[in-house]
């Protein structure tokens, strides 16, 4: 037996990696840049001519870790008031809620807090809460003290609430934000839940025809 053969045999088998899909909902007021953020993440592009989302748009991005993959399934919801009644159906089973507001628009921040309350009212399970102040490349008119107060209040009531600033236009902090979100997913718990669900799933046995 050659040394190379012996070495190869001693190497452990490659560890199986789990692919874990995670539903995320992206919410916030119109023109806060929600769509631009997720398009920048997934397609690595930015368009100044971006139109408001109608209903919802779906995109996904997969992040690789040493033991598993996290597939963020992002539902980008419309921010217009006429679509508000549709939003709660996208909240169901969401593991992550990403609330976006425009740092250059004070009213956008006020509406973001309303969207935050709307999600917590209709959410079906605890979720990781992410607040993003978008358009940090523009003149900031939202007071930092107001943002800090809001974050402090939410951290007292939420399981996980984190704040980031970003710019979809300049691609500032976008990938880092979503990598951080993927890293927050309790992947071992997700795997265990899926395994247990498979174990208890009913098996339907087809009736065998009798031989004549």
N, C-alpha and C. Protein backbone atom coordinates (compact mmCIF):
# COMPACT_ATOMS: atom_id res chain seq x y z
N UNK A 1 0.85 -1.19 0.00
CA UNK A 1 0.00 0.00 0.00
C UNK A 1 0.88 1.24 0.00
N UNK A 2 0.62 2.16 -0.93
CA UNK A 2 1.42 3.37 -1.02
C UNK A 2 1.05 4.33 0.09
N UNK A 3 1.96 5.29 0.34
CA UNK A 3 1.72 6.30 1.37
C UNK A 3 0.50 7.15 1.02
N UNK A 4 0.35 7.45 -0.29
CA UNK A 4 -0.75 8.29 -0.72
C UNK A 4 -2.08 7.58 -0.49
N UNK A 5 -2.15 6.29 -0.77
CA UNK A 5 -3.37 5.53 -0.54
C UNK A 5 -3.71 5.50 0.93
N UNK A 6 -2.72 5.28 1.78
CA UNK A 6 -2.95 5.25 3.22
C UNK A 6 -3.47 6.58 3.72
N UNK A 7 -2.89 7.66 3.20
CA UNK A 7 -3.30 8.99 3.64
C UNK A 7 -4.74 9.27 3.23
N UNK A 8 -5.08 8.86 2.01
CA UNK A 8 -6.45 9.10 1.52
C UNK A 8 -7.47 8.34 2.35
N UNK A 9 -7.11 7.12 2.74
CA UNK A 9 -8.04 6.31 3.50
C UNK A 9 -8.25 6.87 4.90
N UNK A 10 -7.24 7.55 5.41
CA UNK A 10 -7.35 8.08 6.76
C UNK A 10 -8.17 9.37 6.82
N UNK A 11 -8.38 10.02 5.66
CA UNK A 11 -9.13 11.26 5.66
C UNK A 11 -10.60 10.98 5.93
N UNK A 12 -11.24 11.76 6.79
CA UNK A 12 -12.66 11.55 7.09
C UNK A 12 -13.53 11.87 5.89
N UNK A 13 -14.67 11.27 5.82
CA UNK A 13 -15.60 11.53 4.73
C UNK A 13 -16.11 12.96 4.84
N UNK A 14 -16.41 13.56 3.68
CA UNK A 14 -16.88 14.94 3.66
C UNK A 14 -18.20 15.06 4.41
N UNK A 15 -18.28 16.04 5.28
CA UNK A 15 -19.46 16.21 6.11
C UNK A 15 -20.64 16.70 5.28
N UNK A 16 -21.80 16.12 5.51
CA UNK A 16 -23.00 16.55 4.80
C UNK A 16 -23.42 17.93 5.29
N UNK A 17 -23.75 18.80 4.33
CA UNK A 17 -24.22 20.13 4.69
C UNK A 17 -25.72 20.23 4.46
N UNK A 18 -26.40 20.84 5.41
CA UNK A 18 -27.84 21.00 5.32
C UNK A 18 -28.18 22.32 4.63
N UNK A 19 -29.20 22.29 3.78
CA UNK A 19 -29.72 23.51 3.16
C UNK A 19 -30.99 23.89 3.91
N UNK A 20 -30.96 25.04 4.56
CA UNK A 20 -32.07 25.46 5.41
C UNK A 20 -32.76 26.68 4.81
N UNK A 21 -33.98 26.52 4.28
CA UNK A 21 -34.72 27.67 3.76
C UNK A 21 -35.34 28.46 4.91
N UNK A 22 -35.23 29.77 4.84
CA UNK A 22 -35.75 30.64 5.90
C UNK A 22 -36.58 31.75 5.27
N UNK A 23 -37.83 31.85 5.66
CA UNK A 23 -38.71 32.88 5.11
C UNK A 23 -38.44 34.23 5.79
N UNK A 24 -38.21 35.25 4.96
CA UNK A 24 -37.99 36.62 5.45
C UNK A 24 -39.03 37.53 4.80
N UNK A 25 -39.52 38.48 5.54
CA UNK A 25 -40.43 39.46 4.98
C UNK A 25 -39.78 40.84 5.08
N UNK A 26 -39.80 41.56 3.97
CA UNK A 26 -39.20 42.89 3.88
C UNK A 26 -40.34 43.90 3.87
N UNK A 27 -40.41 44.74 4.90
CA UNK A 27 -41.53 45.66 5.04
C UNK A 27 -41.04 47.09 5.28
N UNK A 28 -41.94 48.04 5.08
CA UNK A 28 -41.59 49.43 5.28
C UNK A 28 -42.35 50.32 4.32
N UNK A 29 -42.24 51.63 4.47
CA UNK A 29 -43.00 52.56 3.62
C UNK A 29 -42.50 52.60 2.19
N UNK A 30 -43.33 53.14 1.30
CA UNK A 30 -42.95 53.32 -0.10
C UNK A 30 -41.75 54.24 -0.22
N UNK A 31 -40.91 53.95 -1.19
CA UNK A 31 -39.72 54.76 -1.51
C UNK A 31 -38.65 54.74 -0.41
N UNK A 32 -38.71 53.74 0.46
CA UNK A 32 -37.65 53.60 1.47
C UNK A 32 -36.46 52.84 0.89
N UNK A 33 -36.67 52.19 -0.27
CA UNK A 33 -35.58 51.48 -0.93
C UNK A 33 -35.52 49.99 -0.62
N UNK A 34 -36.64 49.39 -0.23
CA UNK A 34 -36.68 47.97 0.10
C UNK A 34 -36.25 47.11 -1.09
N UNK A 35 -36.91 47.36 -2.22
CA UNK A 35 -36.61 46.57 -3.42
C UNK A 35 -35.17 46.77 -3.87
N UNK A 36 -34.69 48.00 -3.81
CA UNK A 36 -33.31 48.28 -4.22
C UNK A 36 -32.31 47.52 -3.38
N UNK A 37 -32.60 47.37 -2.08
CA UNK A 37 -31.70 46.64 -1.19
C UNK A 37 -31.60 45.17 -1.58
N UNK A 38 -32.74 44.53 -1.77
CA UNK A 38 -32.72 43.09 -2.04
C UNK A 38 -32.23 42.81 -3.46
N UNK A 39 -32.53 43.70 -4.42
CA UNK A 39 -32.03 43.53 -5.78
C UNK A 39 -30.51 43.72 -5.80
N UNK A 40 -30.02 44.68 -5.04
CA UNK A 40 -28.57 44.88 -4.92
C UNK A 40 -27.90 43.63 -4.35
N UNK A 41 -28.55 43.01 -3.37
CA UNK A 41 -28.01 41.80 -2.74
C UNK A 41 -27.97 40.63 -3.72
N UNK A 42 -29.10 40.37 -4.37
CA UNK A 42 -29.25 39.16 -5.18
C UNK A 42 -28.66 39.33 -6.59
N UNK A 43 -28.92 40.46 -7.21
CA UNK A 43 -28.50 40.65 -8.61
C UNK A 43 -27.29 41.58 -8.75
N UNK A 44 -26.88 42.17 -7.63
CA UNK A 44 -25.72 43.07 -7.61
C UNK A 44 -25.87 44.23 -8.59
N UNK A 45 -27.10 44.75 -8.66
CA UNK A 45 -27.37 45.89 -9.53
C UNK A 45 -28.18 46.94 -8.77
N UNK A 46 -28.21 48.15 -9.33
CA UNK A 46 -29.02 49.24 -8.76
C UNK A 46 -29.59 50.06 -9.90
N UNK A 47 -30.87 50.42 -9.78
CA UNK A 47 -31.52 51.23 -10.79
C UNK A 47 -32.20 52.44 -10.16
N UNK A 48 -31.93 53.60 -10.69
CA UNK A 48 -32.57 54.82 -10.20
C UNK A 48 -34.04 54.86 -10.59
N UNK A 49 -34.40 54.08 -11.59
CA UNK A 49 -35.77 54.09 -12.12
C UNK A 49 -36.65 53.02 -11.47
N UNK A 50 -36.25 52.53 -10.32
CA UNK A 50 -37.01 51.46 -9.65
C UNK A 50 -38.44 51.92 -9.34
N UNK A 51 -39.40 51.08 -9.70
CA UNK A 51 -40.82 51.40 -9.48
C UNK A 51 -41.31 50.75 -8.19
N UNK A 52 -42.34 51.34 -7.55
CA UNK A 52 -42.90 50.76 -6.32
C UNK A 52 -43.38 49.33 -6.57
N UNK A 53 -43.15 48.47 -5.59
CA UNK A 53 -43.58 47.08 -5.70
C UNK A 53 -45.10 46.98 -5.65
N UNK A 54 -45.66 46.15 -6.51
CA UNK A 54 -47.10 45.91 -6.52
C UNK A 54 -47.36 44.56 -5.87
N UNK A 55 -48.05 44.56 -4.73
CA UNK A 55 -48.31 43.31 -4.01
C UNK A 55 -47.08 42.84 -3.28
N UNK A 56 -46.27 41.99 -3.94
CA UNK A 56 -45.03 41.50 -3.34
C UNK A 56 -44.12 40.93 -4.42
N UNK A 57 -42.83 40.94 -4.15
CA UNK A 57 -41.84 40.35 -5.06
C UNK A 57 -41.02 39.35 -4.27
N UNK A 58 -40.67 38.24 -4.90
CA UNK A 58 -39.93 37.19 -4.22
C UNK A 58 -38.55 37.03 -4.83
N UNK A 59 -37.52 37.04 -3.97
CA UNK A 59 -36.14 36.78 -4.37
C UNK A 59 -35.47 35.95 -3.27
N UNK A 60 -34.43 35.23 -3.63
CA UNK A 60 -33.74 34.46 -2.58
C UNK A 60 -32.23 34.55 -2.76
N UNK A 61 -31.54 34.31 -1.66
CA UNK A 61 -30.07 34.37 -1.63
C UNK A 61 -29.59 33.32 -0.65
N UNK A 62 -28.59 32.52 -1.07
CA UNK A 62 -28.07 31.45 -0.22
C UNK A 62 -26.69 31.82 0.32
N UNK A 63 -26.50 31.59 1.62
CA UNK A 63 -25.23 31.86 2.28
C UNK A 63 -24.65 30.54 2.79
N UNK A 64 -23.35 30.34 2.55
CA UNK A 64 -22.69 29.10 2.93
C UNK A 64 -21.90 29.27 4.22
N UNK A 65 -22.10 28.32 5.14
CA UNK A 65 -21.33 28.26 6.37
C UNK A 65 -20.59 26.93 6.41
N UNK A 66 -19.75 26.73 7.39
CA UNK A 66 -18.92 25.53 7.42
C UNK A 66 -19.75 24.25 7.57
N UNK A 67 -20.89 24.35 8.19
CA UNK A 67 -21.70 23.14 8.45
C UNK A 67 -23.05 23.13 7.73
N UNK A 68 -23.44 24.25 7.11
CA UNK A 68 -24.78 24.32 6.54
C UNK A 68 -24.89 25.49 5.55
N UNK A 69 -26.01 25.50 4.83
CA UNK A 69 -26.36 26.61 3.96
C UNK A 69 -27.65 27.24 4.50
N UNK A 70 -27.72 28.56 4.46
CA UNK A 70 -28.95 29.26 4.80
C UNK A 70 -29.48 29.92 3.53
N UNK A 71 -30.68 29.54 3.14
CA UNK A 71 -31.32 30.13 1.97
C UNK A 71 -32.37 31.12 2.43
N UNK A 72 -32.07 32.42 2.32
CA UNK A 72 -33.01 33.45 2.71
C UNK A 72 -34.04 33.64 1.59
N UNK A 73 -35.28 33.33 1.89
CA UNK A 73 -36.37 33.50 0.92
C UNK A 73 -37.07 34.81 1.26
N UNK A 74 -36.75 35.86 0.52
CA UNK A 74 -37.17 37.22 0.87
C UNK A 74 -38.42 37.63 0.10
N UNK A 75 -39.47 37.98 0.85
CA UNK A 75 -40.69 38.51 0.28
C UNK A 75 -40.67 40.02 0.46
N UNK A 76 -40.50 40.73 -0.64
CA UNK A 76 -40.47 42.20 -0.64
C UNK A 76 -41.89 42.70 -0.83
N UNK A 77 -42.48 43.24 0.23
CA UNK A 77 -43.89 43.65 0.19
C UNK A 77 -44.04 45.10 -0.24
N UNK A 78 -45.21 45.41 -0.77
CA UNK A 78 -45.51 46.77 -1.22
C UNK A 78 -45.70 47.69 -0.01
N UNK A 79 -45.24 48.93 -0.14
CA UNK A 79 -45.36 49.88 0.96
C UNK A 79 -46.57 50.79 0.86
N UNK A 80 -47.26 50.77 -0.30
CA UNK A 80 -48.42 51.64 -0.47
C UNK A 80 -49.56 51.23 0.45
N UNK A 81 -50.30 52.21 0.94
CA UNK A 81 -51.38 51.94 1.88
C UNK A 81 -52.45 51.04 1.28
N UNK A 82 -52.69 51.14 -0.03
CA UNK A 82 -53.75 50.34 -0.65
C UNK A 82 -53.43 48.85 -0.62
N UNK A 83 -52.15 48.50 -0.37
CA UNK A 83 -51.76 47.09 -0.30
C UNK A 83 -51.57 46.61 1.14
N UNK A 84 -51.84 47.47 2.11
CA UNK A 84 -51.60 47.12 3.51
C UNK A 84 -52.35 45.87 3.95
N UNK A 85 -53.54 45.69 3.43
CA UNK A 85 -54.36 44.54 3.84
C UNK A 85 -53.77 43.22 3.35
N UNK A 86 -52.92 43.27 2.32
CA UNK A 86 -52.32 42.04 1.79
C UNK A 86 -51.09 41.60 2.57
N UNK A 87 -50.45 42.56 3.23
CA UNK A 87 -49.17 42.28 3.88
C UNK A 87 -49.22 41.16 4.92
N UNK A 88 -50.26 41.11 5.80
CA UNK A 88 -50.26 40.08 6.84
C UNK A 88 -50.14 38.65 6.34
N UNK A 89 -50.59 38.37 5.13
CA UNK A 89 -50.50 36.98 4.65
C UNK A 89 -49.04 36.59 4.36
N UNK A 90 -48.18 37.59 4.15
CA UNK A 90 -46.75 37.31 3.96
C UNK A 90 -46.02 37.21 5.29
N UNK A 91 -46.66 37.65 6.38
CA UNK A 91 -46.04 37.59 7.69
C UNK A 91 -46.03 36.17 8.26
N UNK A 92 -46.99 35.34 7.84
CA UNK A 92 -47.14 34.00 8.40
C UNK A 92 -45.87 33.17 8.20
N UNK A 93 -45.41 32.56 9.27
CA UNK A 93 -44.25 31.68 9.29
C UNK A 93 -42.95 32.39 8.90
N UNK A 94 -42.92 33.70 8.98
CA UNK A 94 -41.68 34.43 8.70
C UNK A 94 -40.74 34.33 9.89
N UNK A 95 -39.54 33.87 9.64
CA UNK A 95 -38.53 33.76 10.69
C UNK A 95 -37.78 35.07 10.90
N UNK A 96 -37.82 35.94 9.87
CA UNK A 96 -37.10 37.21 9.93
C UNK A 96 -38.00 38.31 9.38
N UNK A 97 -38.04 39.44 10.08
CA UNK A 97 -38.75 40.62 9.60
C UNK A 97 -37.74 41.74 9.44
N UNK A 98 -37.63 42.26 8.22
CA UNK A 98 -36.68 43.33 7.91
C UNK A 98 -37.48 44.60 7.65
N UNK A 99 -37.36 45.59 8.53
CA UNK A 99 -38.09 46.85 8.40
C UNK A 99 -37.14 47.91 7.87
N UNK A 100 -37.52 48.54 6.77
CA UNK A 100 -36.65 49.51 6.10
C UNK A 100 -37.28 50.90 6.14
N UNK A 101 -36.45 51.92 6.42
CA UNK A 101 -36.91 53.30 6.30
C UNK A 101 -35.83 54.14 5.64
N UNK A 102 -36.21 55.33 5.20
CA UNK A 102 -35.32 56.26 4.51
C UNK A 102 -34.73 57.24 5.52
N UNK A 103 -33.42 57.21 5.69
CA UNK A 103 -32.76 58.08 6.66
C UNK A 103 -32.91 59.57 6.32
N UNK A 104 -33.24 59.88 5.08
CA UNK A 104 -33.38 61.27 4.68
C UNK A 104 -34.83 61.76 4.77
N UNK A 105 -35.72 60.92 5.30
CA UNK A 105 -37.15 61.25 5.36
C UNK A 105 -37.70 60.89 6.75
N UNK A 106 -38.01 61.91 7.56
CA UNK A 106 -38.50 61.66 8.93
C UNK A 106 -39.81 60.90 8.93
N UNK A 107 -40.68 61.21 7.98
CA UNK A 107 -41.97 60.54 7.93
C UNK A 107 -41.82 59.05 7.62
N UNK A 108 -40.79 58.73 6.86
CA UNK A 108 -40.50 57.33 6.54
C UNK A 108 -40.20 56.54 7.81
N UNK A 109 -39.49 57.17 8.75
CA UNK A 109 -39.17 56.50 10.02
C UNK A 109 -40.42 56.27 10.85
N UNK A 110 -41.31 57.26 10.86
CA UNK A 110 -42.59 57.13 11.59
C UNK A 110 -43.39 55.95 11.03
N UNK A 111 -43.45 55.86 9.71
CA UNK A 111 -44.21 54.78 9.08
C UNK A 111 -43.54 53.42 9.30
N UNK A 112 -42.21 53.40 9.39
CA UNK A 112 -41.50 52.15 9.65
C UNK A 112 -41.89 51.58 11.00
N UNK A 113 -42.05 52.45 11.99
CA UNK A 113 -42.48 52.00 13.32
C UNK A 113 -43.89 51.42 13.27
N UNK A 114 -44.73 51.99 12.41
CA UNK A 114 -46.09 51.45 12.24
C UNK A 114 -46.03 50.07 11.60
N UNK A 115 -45.13 49.90 10.62
CA UNK A 115 -44.99 48.59 9.99
C UNK A 115 -44.45 47.56 10.99
N UNK A 116 -43.59 48.00 11.87
CA UNK A 116 -43.06 47.12 12.90
C UNK A 116 -44.19 46.59 13.79
N UNK A 117 -45.07 47.49 14.20
CA UNK A 117 -46.22 47.09 15.03
C UNK A 117 -47.17 46.18 14.27
N UNK A 118 -47.33 46.47 12.97
CA UNK A 118 -48.22 45.67 12.13
C UNK A 118 -47.71 44.22 12.05
N UNK A 119 -46.42 44.08 11.89
CA UNK A 119 -45.86 42.72 11.82
C UNK A 119 -46.06 41.99 13.14
N UNK A 120 -45.75 42.63 14.25
CA UNK A 120 -45.86 41.97 15.55
C UNK A 120 -47.30 41.59 15.87
N UNK A 121 -48.25 42.34 15.32
CA UNK A 121 -49.66 42.05 15.54
C UNK A 121 -50.09 40.78 14.81
N UNK A 122 -49.56 40.59 13.60
CA UNK A 122 -50.02 39.48 12.75
C UNK A 122 -49.05 38.32 12.65
N UNK A 123 -47.85 38.45 13.21
CA UNK A 123 -46.87 37.36 13.11
C UNK A 123 -47.37 36.11 13.81
N UNK A 124 -47.05 34.96 13.24
CA UNK A 124 -47.53 33.69 13.80
C UNK A 124 -46.50 33.04 14.72
N UNK A 125 -45.29 33.58 14.77
CA UNK A 125 -44.25 33.02 15.63
C UNK A 125 -43.17 34.07 15.89
N UNK A 126 -42.35 33.89 16.93
CA UNK A 126 -41.27 34.84 17.19
C UNK A 126 -40.34 34.94 15.99
N UNK A 127 -39.85 36.15 15.73
CA UNK A 127 -38.99 36.36 14.57
C UNK A 127 -37.80 37.24 14.93
N UNK A 128 -36.74 37.09 14.16
CA UNK A 128 -35.59 37.98 14.28
C UNK A 128 -35.98 39.30 13.62
N UNK A 129 -35.87 40.40 14.35
CA UNK A 129 -36.29 41.70 13.85
C UNK A 129 -35.06 42.52 13.46
N UNK A 130 -35.07 43.01 12.23
CA UNK A 130 -33.97 43.81 11.70
C UNK A 130 -34.51 45.16 11.24
N UNK A 131 -33.90 46.24 11.71
CA UNK A 131 -34.26 47.59 11.27
C UNK A 131 -33.12 48.14 10.42
N UNK A 132 -33.45 48.61 9.21
CA UNK A 132 -32.43 49.16 8.31
C UNK A 132 -32.76 50.61 7.98
N UNK A 133 -31.83 51.49 8.30
CA UNK A 133 -31.91 52.88 7.86
C UNK A 133 -31.21 52.97 6.52
N UNK A 134 -31.98 53.03 5.44
CA UNK A 134 -31.42 53.02 4.10
C UNK A 134 -31.11 54.44 3.62
N UNK A 135 -30.35 54.55 2.55
CA UNK A 135 -29.96 55.82 1.92
C UNK A 135 -29.04 56.64 2.83
N UNK A 136 -28.08 55.96 3.44
CA UNK A 136 -27.13 56.66 4.30
C UNK A 136 -26.19 57.55 3.50
N UNK A 137 -26.26 57.45 2.17
CA UNK A 137 -25.45 58.32 1.32
C UNK A 137 -26.06 59.71 1.18
N UNK A 138 -27.32 59.87 1.62
CA UNK A 138 -28.01 61.16 1.54
C UNK A 138 -27.93 61.89 2.88
N UNK A 139 -28.40 63.11 2.89
CA UNK A 139 -28.41 63.91 4.11
C UNK A 139 -29.37 63.30 5.12
N UNK A 140 -28.87 62.96 6.28
CA UNK A 140 -29.67 62.30 7.31
C UNK A 140 -30.53 63.31 8.06
N UNK A 141 -31.86 63.14 7.98
CA UNK A 141 -32.78 64.04 8.68
C UNK A 141 -33.47 63.37 9.87
N UNK A 142 -33.44 62.04 9.91
CA UNK A 142 -33.99 61.32 11.06
C UNK A 142 -33.00 61.43 12.21
N UNK A 143 -33.47 61.90 13.36
CA UNK A 143 -32.59 62.11 14.51
C UNK A 143 -32.08 60.78 15.04
N UNK A 144 -30.80 60.71 15.31
CA UNK A 144 -30.20 59.49 15.86
C UNK A 144 -30.79 59.16 17.21
N UNK A 145 -31.14 60.19 17.99
CA UNK A 145 -31.74 59.96 19.32
C UNK A 145 -33.09 59.26 19.21
N UNK A 146 -33.86 59.60 18.15
CA UNK A 146 -35.15 58.93 17.94
C UNK A 146 -34.95 57.46 17.57
N UNK A 147 -33.95 57.21 16.74
CA UNK A 147 -33.64 55.83 16.34
C UNK A 147 -33.20 55.03 17.57
N UNK A 148 -32.32 55.62 18.38
CA UNK A 148 -31.80 54.94 19.57
C UNK A 148 -32.92 54.61 20.55
N UNK A 149 -33.86 55.56 20.72
CA UNK A 149 -34.99 55.33 21.63
C UNK A 149 -35.86 54.18 21.14
N UNK A 150 -36.10 54.14 19.84
CA UNK A 150 -36.93 53.09 19.27
C UNK A 150 -36.26 51.72 19.43
N UNK A 151 -34.96 51.67 19.15
CA UNK A 151 -34.21 50.42 19.29
C UNK A 151 -34.24 49.94 20.73
N UNK A 152 -34.06 50.86 21.67
CA UNK A 152 -34.04 50.52 23.09
C UNK A 152 -35.39 49.92 23.52
N UNK A 153 -36.47 50.53 23.06
CA UNK A 153 -37.81 50.04 23.40
C UNK A 153 -38.05 48.65 22.84
N UNK A 154 -37.65 48.45 21.60
CA UNK A 154 -37.88 47.16 20.96
C UNK A 154 -37.03 46.05 21.56
N UNK A 155 -35.83 46.36 21.94
CA UNK A 155 -34.96 45.34 22.54
C UNK A 155 -35.51 44.87 23.88
N UNK A 156 -36.26 45.72 24.55
CA UNK A 156 -36.87 45.33 25.82
C UNK A 156 -38.03 44.37 25.60
N UNK A 157 -38.61 44.40 24.39
CA UNK A 157 -39.80 43.58 24.12
C UNK A 157 -39.57 42.46 23.11
N UNK A 158 -38.49 42.55 22.33
CA UNK A 158 -38.27 41.57 21.27
C UNK A 158 -37.18 40.57 21.63
N UNK A 159 -37.26 39.40 21.02
CA UNK A 159 -36.24 38.37 21.22
C UNK A 159 -34.91 38.83 20.63
N UNK A 160 -34.97 39.40 19.43
CA UNK A 160 -33.75 39.81 18.74
C UNK A 160 -34.08 41.01 17.85
N UNK A 161 -33.48 42.16 18.13
CA UNK A 161 -33.75 43.37 17.36
C UNK A 161 -32.43 44.08 17.09
N UNK A 162 -32.07 44.22 15.81
CA UNK A 162 -30.78 44.78 15.43
C UNK A 162 -30.96 45.89 14.41
N UNK A 163 -30.13 46.93 14.51
CA UNK A 163 -30.21 48.07 13.61
C UNK A 163 -28.96 48.19 12.75
N UNK A 164 -29.18 48.50 11.47
CA UNK A 164 -28.09 48.73 10.53
C UNK A 164 -28.40 49.99 9.70
N UNK A 165 -27.35 50.61 9.20
CA UNK A 165 -27.51 51.65 8.19
C UNK A 165 -26.90 51.14 6.89
N UNK A 166 -27.51 51.53 5.77
CA UNK A 166 -27.07 51.00 4.48
C UNK A 166 -27.37 51.99 3.36
N UNK A 167 -26.79 51.69 2.22
CA UNK A 167 -27.10 52.42 0.98
C UNK A 167 -27.13 51.41 -0.15
N UNK A 168 -28.32 51.20 -0.72
CA UNK A 168 -28.43 50.31 -1.87
C UNK A 168 -27.71 50.91 -3.07
N UNK A 169 -27.77 52.20 -3.20
CA UNK A 169 -27.14 52.89 -4.33
C UNK A 169 -25.63 52.71 -4.31
N UNK A 170 -25.02 52.93 -3.15
CA UNK A 170 -23.56 52.84 -3.03
C UNK A 170 -23.10 51.44 -2.63
N UNK A 171 -24.05 50.52 -2.46
CA UNK A 171 -23.74 49.16 -2.02
C UNK A 171 -23.00 49.16 -0.68
N UNK A 172 -23.46 50.01 0.21
CA UNK A 172 -22.85 50.14 1.53
C UNK A 172 -23.54 49.22 2.53
N UNK A 173 -22.81 48.25 3.04
CA UNK A 173 -23.25 47.39 4.13
C UNK A 173 -24.34 46.38 3.74
N UNK A 174 -24.72 46.32 2.47
CA UNK A 174 -25.85 45.48 2.07
C UNK A 174 -25.57 44.00 2.31
N UNK A 175 -24.47 43.49 1.75
CA UNK A 175 -24.17 42.07 1.91
C UNK A 175 -23.89 41.71 3.36
N UNK A 176 -23.22 42.61 4.07
CA UNK A 176 -22.92 42.37 5.48
C UNK A 176 -24.19 42.21 6.30
N UNK A 177 -25.21 43.01 6.00
CA UNK A 177 -26.48 42.93 6.74
C UNK A 177 -27.11 41.55 6.58
N UNK A 178 -27.20 41.09 5.33
CA UNK A 178 -27.87 39.81 5.09
C UNK A 178 -27.02 38.63 5.53
N UNK A 179 -25.71 38.76 5.48
CA UNK A 179 -24.84 37.71 6.04
C UNK A 179 -25.06 37.61 7.55
N UNK A 180 -25.19 38.76 8.21
CA UNK A 180 -25.44 38.78 9.65
C UNK A 180 -26.78 38.13 9.97
N UNK A 181 -27.78 38.43 9.16
CA UNK A 181 -29.10 37.83 9.36
C UNK A 181 -29.00 36.31 9.23
N UNK A 182 -28.33 35.84 8.17
CA UNK A 182 -28.18 34.39 7.96
C UNK A 182 -27.44 33.75 9.13
N UNK A 183 -26.47 34.47 9.69
CA UNK A 183 -25.71 33.94 10.82
C UNK A 183 -26.51 33.87 12.11
N UNK A 184 -27.60 34.64 12.18
CA UNK A 184 -28.44 34.65 13.38
C UNK A 184 -29.43 33.48 13.41
N UNK A 185 -29.63 32.83 12.29
CA UNK A 185 -30.62 31.75 12.22
C UNK A 185 -30.19 30.58 13.11
N UNK A 186 -31.04 30.14 14.02
CA UNK A 186 -30.72 28.98 14.88
C UNK A 186 -30.80 27.69 14.06
N UNK A 187 -29.75 27.44 13.28
CA UNK A 187 -29.81 26.38 12.28
C UNK A 187 -29.96 24.98 12.87
N UNK A 188 -29.35 24.75 14.01
CA UNK A 188 -29.49 23.43 14.63
C UNK A 188 -30.94 23.16 15.02
N UNK A 189 -31.59 24.19 15.52
CA UNK A 189 -33.00 24.06 15.89
C UNK A 189 -33.87 23.84 14.65
N UNK A 190 -33.54 24.53 13.56
CA UNK A 190 -34.28 24.38 12.31
C UNK A 190 -34.15 22.95 11.79
N UNK A 191 -32.94 22.39 11.83
CA UNK A 191 -32.71 21.03 11.36
C UNK A 191 -33.49 20.04 12.23
N UNK A 192 -33.45 20.24 13.55
CA UNK A 192 -34.15 19.34 14.45
C UNK A 192 -35.66 19.37 14.20
N UNK A 193 -36.22 20.56 13.99
CA UNK A 193 -37.65 20.67 13.73
C UNK A 193 -38.04 19.95 12.45
N UNK A 194 -37.21 20.09 11.42
CA UNK A 194 -37.52 19.42 10.15
C UNK A 194 -37.39 17.91 10.28
N UNK A 195 -36.38 17.44 11.02
CA UNK A 195 -36.19 16.01 11.22
C UNK A 195 -37.34 15.41 12.00
N UNK A 196 -37.77 16.09 13.04
CA UNK A 196 -38.88 15.60 13.85
C UNK A 196 -40.17 15.58 13.04
N UNK A 197 -40.35 16.59 12.18
CA UNK A 197 -41.55 16.64 11.35
C UNK A 197 -41.59 15.46 10.39
N UNK A 198 -40.42 15.08 9.85
CA UNK A 198 -40.36 13.93 8.96
C UNK A 198 -40.67 12.63 9.69
N UNK A 199 -40.22 12.55 10.94
CA UNK A 199 -40.41 11.34 11.72
C UNK A 199 -41.88 11.11 12.09
N UNK A 200 -42.62 12.20 12.29
CA UNK A 200 -44.02 12.06 12.72
C UNK A 200 -44.99 12.16 11.56
N UNK A 201 -44.49 12.41 10.35
CA UNK A 201 -45.38 12.52 9.21
C UNK A 201 -46.07 11.18 8.96
N UNK A 202 -47.40 11.20 8.77
CA UNK A 202 -48.11 9.95 8.54
C UNK A 202 -47.75 9.34 7.20
N UNK A 203 -47.61 8.03 7.17
CA UNK A 203 -47.29 7.31 5.94
C UNK A 203 -48.56 6.62 5.45
N UNK A 204 -48.96 6.93 4.25
CA UNK A 204 -50.19 6.35 3.70
C UNK A 204 -49.82 5.11 2.89
N UNK A 205 -50.29 3.98 3.35
CA UNK A 205 -50.02 2.72 2.67
C UNK A 205 -51.10 2.42 1.65
N UNK A 206 -50.67 2.17 0.42
CA UNK A 206 -51.65 1.82 -0.60
C UNK A 206 -52.11 0.38 -0.39
N UNK A 207 -53.39 0.15 -0.60
CA UNK A 207 -53.94 -1.19 -0.44
C UNK A 207 -53.45 -2.07 -1.58
N UNK A 208 -52.98 -3.22 -1.18
CA UNK A 208 -52.51 -4.17 -2.21
C UNK A 208 -53.70 -4.95 -2.76
N UNK A 209 -53.63 -5.16 -4.08
CA UNK A 209 -54.68 -5.97 -4.70
C UNK A 209 -54.49 -7.44 -4.37
N UNK A 210 -55.57 -8.09 -4.06
CA UNK A 210 -55.49 -9.52 -3.74
C UNK A 210 -55.29 -10.34 -5.03
N UNK A 211 -54.50 -11.36 -4.88
CA UNK A 211 -54.27 -12.24 -6.03
C UNK A 211 -55.45 -13.18 -6.20
N UNK A 212 -55.82 -13.43 -7.44
CA UNK A 212 -56.95 -14.33 -7.69
C UNK A 212 -56.42 -15.68 -8.16
